[in-house]
N, C-alpha and C. Protein backbone atom coordinates (compact mmCIF):
# COMPACT_ATOMS: atom_id res chain seq x y z
N MET A 1 6.37 -33.01 -11.56
CA MET A 1 6.13 -32.09 -12.65
C MET A 1 5.32 -30.89 -12.17
N GLY A 2 4.34 -31.13 -11.29
CA GLY A 2 3.49 -30.06 -10.78
C GLY A 2 4.28 -29.02 -10.00
N ASN A 3 5.30 -29.49 -9.25
CA ASN A 3 6.14 -28.55 -8.50
C ASN A 3 6.92 -27.62 -9.42
N TYR A 4 7.43 -28.17 -10.54
CA TYR A 4 8.18 -27.35 -11.49
C TYR A 4 7.30 -26.27 -12.11
N VAL A 5 6.05 -26.63 -12.42
CA VAL A 5 5.12 -25.67 -13.00
C VAL A 5 4.82 -24.56 -11.99
N ALA A 6 4.59 -24.93 -10.73
CA ALA A 6 4.28 -23.95 -9.68
C ALA A 6 5.47 -23.01 -9.47
N TRP A 7 6.69 -23.58 -9.41
CA TRP A 7 7.88 -22.74 -9.23
C TRP A 7 8.11 -21.85 -10.45
N GLY A 8 7.83 -22.37 -11.60
CA GLY A 8 7.97 -21.58 -12.84
C GLY A 8 6.99 -20.42 -12.85
N ALA A 9 5.76 -20.68 -12.41
CA ALA A 9 4.75 -19.61 -12.36
C ALA A 9 5.16 -18.54 -11.35
N LEU A 10 5.66 -18.95 -10.19
CA LEU A 10 6.11 -17.99 -9.18
C LEU A 10 7.29 -17.16 -9.70
N LEU A 11 8.21 -17.81 -10.38
CA LEU A 11 9.36 -17.11 -10.94
C LEU A 11 8.91 -16.08 -11.98
N PHE A 12 7.95 -16.48 -12.83
CA PHE A 12 7.43 -15.58 -13.85
C PHE A 12 6.74 -14.36 -13.22
N ILE A 13 5.96 -14.59 -12.18
CA ILE A 13 5.28 -13.49 -11.47
C ILE A 13 6.32 -12.58 -10.82
N GLY A 14 7.34 -13.17 -10.23
CA GLY A 14 8.41 -12.37 -9.62
C GLY A 14 9.12 -11.49 -10.63
N ILE A 15 9.37 -12.03 -11.82
CA ILE A 15 10.01 -11.24 -12.87
C ILE A 15 9.11 -10.09 -13.30
N LEU A 16 7.82 -10.37 -13.48
CA LEU A 16 6.88 -9.31 -13.86
C LEU A 16 6.83 -8.20 -12.82
N VAL A 17 6.78 -8.58 -11.55
CA VAL A 17 6.73 -7.57 -10.48
C VAL A 17 8.00 -6.73 -10.48
N SER A 18 9.16 -7.36 -10.65
CA SER A 18 10.41 -6.61 -10.61
C SER A 18 10.58 -5.71 -11.83
N VAL A 19 10.00 -6.09 -12.96
CA VAL A 19 10.11 -5.28 -14.17
C VAL A 19 9.15 -4.09 -14.13
N PHE A 20 7.92 -4.32 -13.68
CA PHE A 20 6.91 -3.27 -13.74
C PHE A 20 6.77 -2.46 -12.45
N ALA A 21 7.26 -2.92 -11.34
CA ALA A 21 7.12 -2.19 -10.08
C ALA A 21 7.77 -0.81 -10.10
N PRO A 22 8.98 -0.64 -10.66
CA PRO A 22 9.57 0.69 -10.66
C PRO A 22 8.73 1.72 -11.42
N ALA A 23 7.99 1.29 -12.42
CA ALA A 23 7.17 2.22 -13.20
C ALA A 23 5.95 2.68 -12.42
N ALA A 24 5.59 1.97 -11.39
CA ALA A 24 4.40 2.31 -10.62
C ALA A 24 4.58 3.59 -9.83
N GLY A 25 5.79 3.92 -9.44
CA GLY A 25 6.05 5.12 -8.66
C GLY A 25 7.53 5.29 -8.43
N ILE A 26 7.98 6.52 -8.34
CA ILE A 26 9.41 6.77 -8.16
C ILE A 26 9.67 7.08 -6.71
N GLU A 27 10.60 6.39 -6.16
CA GLU A 27 11.01 6.60 -4.77
C GLU A 27 12.32 7.38 -4.77
N VAL A 28 12.36 8.46 -4.05
CA VAL A 28 13.59 9.23 -3.96
C VAL A 28 14.56 8.48 -3.07
N VAL A 29 15.78 8.39 -3.52
CA VAL A 29 16.80 7.70 -2.74
C VAL A 29 17.82 8.70 -2.23
N ASP A 30 18.45 8.37 -1.14
CA ASP A 30 19.43 9.23 -0.51
C ASP A 30 20.81 8.66 -0.76
N ASP A 31 21.61 9.33 -1.60
CA ASP A 31 22.95 8.82 -1.83
C ASP A 31 23.99 9.62 -1.04
N ASN A 32 23.53 10.55 -0.19
CA ASN A 32 24.41 11.34 0.67
C ASN A 32 25.44 12.17 -0.08
N LEU A 33 25.15 12.52 -1.33
CA LEU A 33 26.12 13.27 -2.10
C LEU A 33 25.55 14.55 -2.73
N PRO A 34 24.87 15.41 -1.97
CA PRO A 34 24.46 16.66 -2.58
C PRO A 34 25.68 17.53 -2.82
N ASN A 35 25.58 18.47 -3.74
CA ASN A 35 26.71 19.36 -4.00
C ASN A 35 27.10 20.12 -2.74
N VAL A 36 26.11 20.78 -2.12
CA VAL A 36 26.33 21.56 -0.91
C VAL A 36 25.17 21.25 0.02
N HIS A 37 25.44 21.10 1.29
CA HIS A 37 24.36 20.80 2.22
C HIS A 37 23.39 21.98 2.27
N PRO A 38 22.09 21.70 2.25
CA PRO A 38 21.10 22.79 2.24
C PRO A 38 21.28 23.80 3.36
N TRP A 39 21.70 23.35 4.54
CA TRP A 39 21.82 24.31 5.64
C TRP A 39 22.98 25.27 5.48
N LEU A 40 24.00 24.89 4.71
CA LEU A 40 25.07 25.84 4.40
C LEU A 40 24.52 26.95 3.51
N ILE A 41 23.72 26.58 2.53
CA ILE A 41 23.11 27.57 1.64
C ILE A 41 22.19 28.49 2.44
N VAL A 42 21.37 27.92 3.34
CA VAL A 42 20.47 28.72 4.17
C VAL A 42 21.27 29.74 4.97
N ARG A 43 22.37 29.31 5.55
CA ARG A 43 23.19 30.21 6.36
C ARG A 43 23.77 31.35 5.52
N VAL A 44 24.29 31.01 4.33
CA VAL A 44 24.87 32.03 3.46
C VAL A 44 23.81 33.04 3.04
N ILE A 45 22.63 32.55 2.62
CA ILE A 45 21.55 33.45 2.22
C ILE A 45 21.09 34.29 3.40
N GLY A 46 20.95 33.67 4.56
CA GLY A 46 20.53 34.39 5.76
C GLY A 46 21.50 35.50 6.14
N GLU A 47 22.78 35.20 6.09
CA GLU A 47 23.79 36.20 6.44
C GLU A 47 23.84 37.33 5.42
N ASP A 48 23.61 37.00 4.16
CA ASP A 48 23.69 38.01 3.10
C ASP A 48 22.44 38.88 3.01
N THR A 49 21.26 38.28 3.25
CA THR A 49 20.00 39.00 3.03
C THR A 49 19.19 39.22 4.29
N GLY A 50 19.43 38.44 5.34
CA GLY A 50 18.59 38.49 6.53
C GLY A 50 17.31 37.71 6.38
N ILE A 51 17.18 36.95 5.28
CA ILE A 51 15.96 36.18 5.00
C ILE A 51 16.22 34.71 5.35
N TRP A 52 15.29 34.14 6.10
CA TRP A 52 15.39 32.74 6.51
C TRP A 52 14.18 31.97 6.01
N PRO A 53 14.28 30.65 5.82
CA PRO A 53 13.15 29.88 5.28
C PRO A 53 11.90 29.96 6.15
N ALA A 54 10.76 29.84 5.50
CA ALA A 54 9.48 29.80 6.21
C ALA A 54 9.32 28.44 6.89
N TYR A 55 9.75 27.38 6.21
CA TYR A 55 9.75 26.03 6.74
C TYR A 55 10.59 25.15 5.83
N ASN A 56 10.66 23.88 6.10
CA ASN A 56 11.46 22.96 5.31
C ASN A 56 10.60 21.80 4.83
N ILE A 57 11.02 21.19 3.74
CA ILE A 57 10.32 20.02 3.22
C ILE A 57 11.33 18.91 2.97
N THR A 58 10.81 17.71 2.76
CA THR A 58 11.68 16.57 2.47
C THR A 58 12.04 16.55 1.00
N GLY A 59 13.07 15.80 0.67
CA GLY A 59 13.44 15.60 -0.71
C GLY A 59 12.32 14.96 -1.52
N GLN A 60 11.61 14.03 -0.92
CA GLN A 60 10.51 13.38 -1.62
C GLN A 60 9.41 14.39 -1.94
N GLU A 61 9.12 15.29 -1.00
CA GLU A 61 8.09 16.31 -1.25
C GLU A 61 8.52 17.23 -2.40
N ALA A 62 9.79 17.61 -2.41
CA ALA A 62 10.30 18.46 -3.49
C ALA A 62 10.18 17.75 -4.83
N TYR A 63 10.59 16.50 -4.87
CA TYR A 63 10.51 15.72 -6.11
C TYR A 63 9.07 15.62 -6.59
N ASP A 64 8.15 15.30 -5.68
CA ASP A 64 6.75 15.14 -6.05
C ASP A 64 6.14 16.43 -6.57
N LEU A 65 6.50 17.58 -5.99
CA LEU A 65 5.99 18.86 -6.47
C LEU A 65 6.45 19.13 -7.89
N TYR A 66 7.73 18.89 -8.19
CA TYR A 66 8.22 19.10 -9.54
C TYR A 66 7.62 18.09 -10.52
N ALA A 67 7.47 16.85 -10.09
CA ALA A 67 6.85 15.85 -10.96
C ALA A 67 5.41 16.24 -11.27
N GLY A 68 4.73 16.86 -10.31
CA GLY A 68 3.35 17.28 -10.49
C GLY A 68 3.16 18.33 -11.56
N ILE A 69 4.20 19.11 -11.87
CA ILE A 69 4.08 20.11 -12.94
C ILE A 69 4.79 19.64 -14.21
N GLY A 70 5.17 18.37 -14.23
CA GLY A 70 5.77 17.79 -15.43
C GLY A 70 7.25 18.05 -15.60
N LYS A 71 7.94 18.44 -14.54
CA LYS A 71 9.38 18.64 -14.60
C LYS A 71 10.07 17.37 -14.15
N ASN A 72 10.87 16.80 -15.03
CA ASN A 72 11.60 15.59 -14.70
C ASN A 72 12.86 15.96 -13.94
N MET A 73 12.83 15.71 -12.65
CA MET A 73 14.00 16.02 -11.84
C MET A 73 14.93 14.82 -11.86
N GLY A 74 15.53 14.57 -12.99
CA GLY A 74 16.36 13.39 -13.18
C GLY A 74 17.65 13.41 -12.39
N PHE A 75 17.97 14.55 -11.75
CA PHE A 75 19.20 14.64 -10.99
C PHE A 75 18.97 14.31 -9.53
N VAL A 76 17.98 13.50 -9.25
CA VAL A 76 17.58 13.25 -7.86
C VAL A 76 18.74 12.69 -7.05
N SER A 77 19.12 13.44 -6.06
CA SER A 77 20.13 13.05 -5.10
C SER A 77 19.74 13.77 -3.82
N LEU A 78 18.75 13.27 -3.17
CA LEU A 78 18.11 14.02 -2.10
C LEU A 78 18.40 13.44 -0.73
N ARG A 79 18.66 14.33 0.21
CA ARG A 79 18.86 13.91 1.59
C ARG A 79 17.52 13.55 2.21
N LYS A 80 17.56 12.57 3.08
CA LYS A 80 16.35 12.21 3.82
C LYS A 80 16.11 13.24 4.91
N GLY A 81 14.87 13.39 5.29
CA GLY A 81 14.53 14.32 6.36
C GLY A 81 14.09 15.67 5.83
N LYS A 82 13.64 16.51 6.72
CA LYS A 82 13.10 17.81 6.32
C LYS A 82 14.21 18.84 6.28
N VAL A 83 14.99 18.81 5.20
CA VAL A 83 16.14 19.68 5.14
C VAL A 83 16.10 20.70 4.02
N PHE A 84 15.16 20.62 3.10
CA PHE A 84 15.16 21.55 1.98
C PHE A 84 14.37 22.80 2.31
N PRO A 85 15.00 23.98 2.19
CA PRO A 85 14.35 25.23 2.62
C PRO A 85 13.26 25.68 1.65
N VAL A 86 12.18 26.18 2.21
CA VAL A 86 11.10 26.79 1.44
C VAL A 86 10.97 28.24 1.93
N TYR A 87 11.17 29.16 1.02
CA TYR A 87 11.09 30.58 1.34
C TYR A 87 9.73 31.14 0.92
N LYS A 88 9.41 32.32 1.41
CA LYS A 88 8.19 33.00 1.00
C LYS A 88 8.37 33.50 -0.43
N ARG A 89 7.27 33.51 -1.18
CA ARG A 89 7.33 33.91 -2.58
C ARG A 89 7.92 35.31 -2.75
N GLU A 90 7.56 36.23 -1.85
CA GLU A 90 8.05 37.61 -1.98
C GLU A 90 9.55 37.73 -1.75
N ASP A 91 10.19 36.69 -1.23
CA ASP A 91 11.63 36.73 -0.97
C ASP A 91 12.46 36.09 -2.08
N VAL A 92 11.79 35.52 -3.08
CA VAL A 92 12.49 34.77 -4.12
C VAL A 92 13.55 35.61 -4.83
N THR A 93 13.21 36.81 -5.23
CA THR A 93 14.17 37.64 -5.96
C THR A 93 15.40 37.92 -5.12
N ALA A 94 15.20 38.27 -3.86
CA ALA A 94 16.33 38.60 -2.99
C ALA A 94 17.23 37.39 -2.75
N ILE A 95 16.65 36.23 -2.48
CA ILE A 95 17.50 35.07 -2.18
C ILE A 95 18.24 34.58 -3.41
N ASN A 96 17.67 34.78 -4.60
CA ASN A 96 18.35 34.33 -5.80
C ASN A 96 19.36 35.34 -6.32
N LYS A 97 19.46 36.49 -5.67
CA LYS A 97 20.54 37.43 -5.99
C LYS A 97 21.83 37.03 -5.29
N VAL A 98 21.74 36.11 -4.33
CA VAL A 98 22.94 35.61 -3.66
C VAL A 98 23.61 34.61 -4.60
N LYS A 99 24.78 34.95 -5.10
CA LYS A 99 25.46 34.16 -6.13
C LYS A 99 26.65 33.40 -5.56
N TYR A 100 27.06 32.37 -6.31
CA TYR A 100 28.35 31.75 -6.01
C TYR A 100 29.42 32.82 -6.17
N PRO A 101 30.47 32.75 -5.41
CA PRO A 101 31.54 33.74 -5.57
C PRO A 101 32.06 33.75 -7.01
N GLU A 102 32.13 34.95 -7.59
CA GLU A 102 32.68 35.17 -8.93
C GLU A 102 31.93 34.42 -10.04
N THR A 103 30.63 34.15 -9.84
CA THR A 103 29.82 33.53 -10.90
C THR A 103 28.50 34.28 -11.01
N GLN A 104 27.73 33.91 -12.02
CA GLN A 104 26.41 34.51 -12.19
C GLN A 104 25.30 33.60 -11.67
N TYR A 105 25.67 32.44 -11.13
CA TYR A 105 24.67 31.44 -10.76
C TYR A 105 24.18 31.61 -9.33
N PRO A 106 22.85 31.55 -9.13
CA PRO A 106 22.31 31.61 -7.76
C PRO A 106 22.90 30.50 -6.90
N ILE A 107 23.23 30.83 -5.69
CA ILE A 107 23.83 29.85 -4.79
C ILE A 107 22.89 28.68 -4.52
N MET A 108 21.57 28.91 -4.69
CA MET A 108 20.60 27.82 -4.49
C MET A 108 20.83 26.66 -5.45
N LEU A 109 21.49 26.91 -6.59
CA LEU A 109 21.81 25.82 -7.52
C LEU A 109 22.78 24.83 -6.90
N GLY A 110 23.44 25.21 -5.82
CA GLY A 110 24.40 24.33 -5.17
C GLY A 110 23.77 23.16 -4.45
N VAL A 111 22.46 23.22 -4.21
CA VAL A 111 21.78 22.14 -3.50
C VAL A 111 21.19 21.20 -4.53
N LEU A 112 21.87 20.11 -4.78
CA LEU A 112 21.44 19.17 -5.81
C LEU A 112 20.12 18.52 -5.40
N GLY A 113 19.13 18.64 -6.26
CA GLY A 113 17.83 18.03 -5.97
C GLY A 113 17.02 18.80 -4.97
N GLY A 114 17.30 20.07 -4.79
CA GLY A 114 16.60 20.86 -3.79
C GLY A 114 15.34 21.52 -4.32
N THR A 115 15.04 22.69 -3.77
CA THR A 115 13.78 23.37 -4.08
C THR A 115 13.91 24.36 -5.23
N PHE A 116 15.10 24.52 -5.78
CA PHE A 116 15.34 25.48 -6.85
C PHE A 116 15.81 24.75 -8.09
N ALA A 117 15.32 25.16 -9.26
CA ALA A 117 15.73 24.54 -10.51
C ALA A 117 15.78 25.58 -11.62
N TYR A 118 16.53 25.28 -12.64
CA TYR A 118 16.67 26.16 -13.79
C TYR A 118 16.45 25.33 -15.05
N ASP A 119 15.61 25.80 -15.96
CA ASP A 119 15.33 25.11 -17.21
C ASP A 119 16.17 25.75 -18.31
N VAL A 120 17.18 25.05 -18.77
CA VAL A 120 18.11 25.57 -19.76
C VAL A 120 17.38 25.89 -21.07
N ASP A 121 16.42 25.05 -21.46
CA ASP A 121 15.72 25.24 -22.74
C ASP A 121 14.89 26.51 -22.78
N THR A 122 14.16 26.80 -21.71
CA THR A 122 13.26 27.96 -21.70
C THR A 122 13.85 29.18 -21.01
N GLY A 123 14.88 28.98 -20.20
CA GLY A 123 15.46 30.08 -19.44
C GLY A 123 14.65 30.41 -18.20
N ASN A 124 13.68 29.57 -17.85
CA ASN A 124 12.85 29.81 -16.67
C ASN A 124 13.53 29.29 -15.41
N TYR A 125 13.31 29.99 -14.33
CA TYR A 125 13.70 29.53 -13.00
C TYR A 125 12.46 28.97 -12.33
N PHE A 126 12.66 27.97 -11.49
CA PHE A 126 11.58 27.37 -10.72
C PHE A 126 12.03 27.28 -9.28
N GLN A 127 11.13 27.58 -8.38
CA GLN A 127 11.45 27.44 -6.97
C GLN A 127 10.20 27.04 -6.20
N ILE A 128 10.39 26.11 -5.27
CA ILE A 128 9.28 25.75 -4.39
C ILE A 128 9.21 26.83 -3.32
N VAL A 129 8.03 27.43 -3.21
CA VAL A 129 7.84 28.55 -2.28
C VAL A 129 6.64 28.27 -1.38
N ASP A 130 6.52 29.07 -0.34
CA ASP A 130 5.35 29.02 0.53
C ASP A 130 4.21 29.68 -0.21
N SER A 131 3.12 28.97 -0.39
CA SER A 131 1.98 29.49 -1.15
C SER A 131 1.19 30.54 -0.38
N GLY A 132 1.51 30.73 0.88
CA GLY A 132 0.80 31.71 1.69
C GLY A 132 -0.19 31.06 2.64
N ASN A 133 -0.51 29.80 2.37
CA ASN A 133 -1.43 29.09 3.26
C ASN A 133 -0.75 27.92 3.95
N GLY A 134 0.57 28.00 4.06
CA GLY A 134 1.33 26.95 4.75
C GLY A 134 1.62 25.73 3.93
N LYS A 135 1.35 25.78 2.62
CA LYS A 135 1.63 24.64 1.74
C LYS A 135 2.63 25.07 0.68
N PRO A 136 3.53 24.17 0.30
CA PRO A 136 4.50 24.53 -0.73
C PRO A 136 3.90 24.42 -2.13
N GLU A 137 4.37 25.26 -3.04
CA GLU A 137 3.98 25.21 -4.45
C GLU A 137 5.18 25.59 -5.30
N VAL A 138 5.15 25.23 -6.58
CA VAL A 138 6.23 25.59 -7.49
C VAL A 138 5.91 26.94 -8.13
N TYR A 139 6.86 27.84 -8.01
CA TYR A 139 6.75 29.19 -8.57
C TYR A 139 7.74 29.29 -9.73
N SER A 140 7.31 29.81 -10.86
CA SER A 140 8.17 29.92 -12.03
C SER A 140 8.28 31.37 -12.47
N TRP A 141 9.48 31.76 -12.88
CA TRP A 141 9.69 33.11 -13.40
C TRP A 141 10.89 33.13 -14.30
N LYS A 142 11.00 34.21 -15.08
CA LYS A 142 12.16 34.45 -15.93
C LYS A 142 12.95 35.60 -15.34
N PRO A 143 14.22 35.43 -15.12
CA PRO A 143 15.02 36.51 -14.54
C PRO A 143 15.20 37.68 -15.51
């Protein structure tokens, strides 16, 4: 009887851990299915404007920065590794003028879960930029 109680207690603890553990923190997963690879976007922007990223960050870093300002990046589909481009703040306007062919949308929207986001409700654009001291920050503006 004692063994059944011990196994029951362990099973109960295991269920509690599995139910509440995901709420403790969100881990970005890599499903290898971004819309467009970030480096293709970097190349297109670079060829069109002559502007190249200051540095790159990981998908987890991008997710954490947006979560820190209360933006739910529910579309998380992030590549592992330091592949997401971070541009200087002063270059934001120029890089976001690079559009998909025959559309009004910035080509940066092609990188699913990347450093650029658009809030449909407010009309604000958000982009992770170089803060000037070598650290990334979220920059928000209205076009």
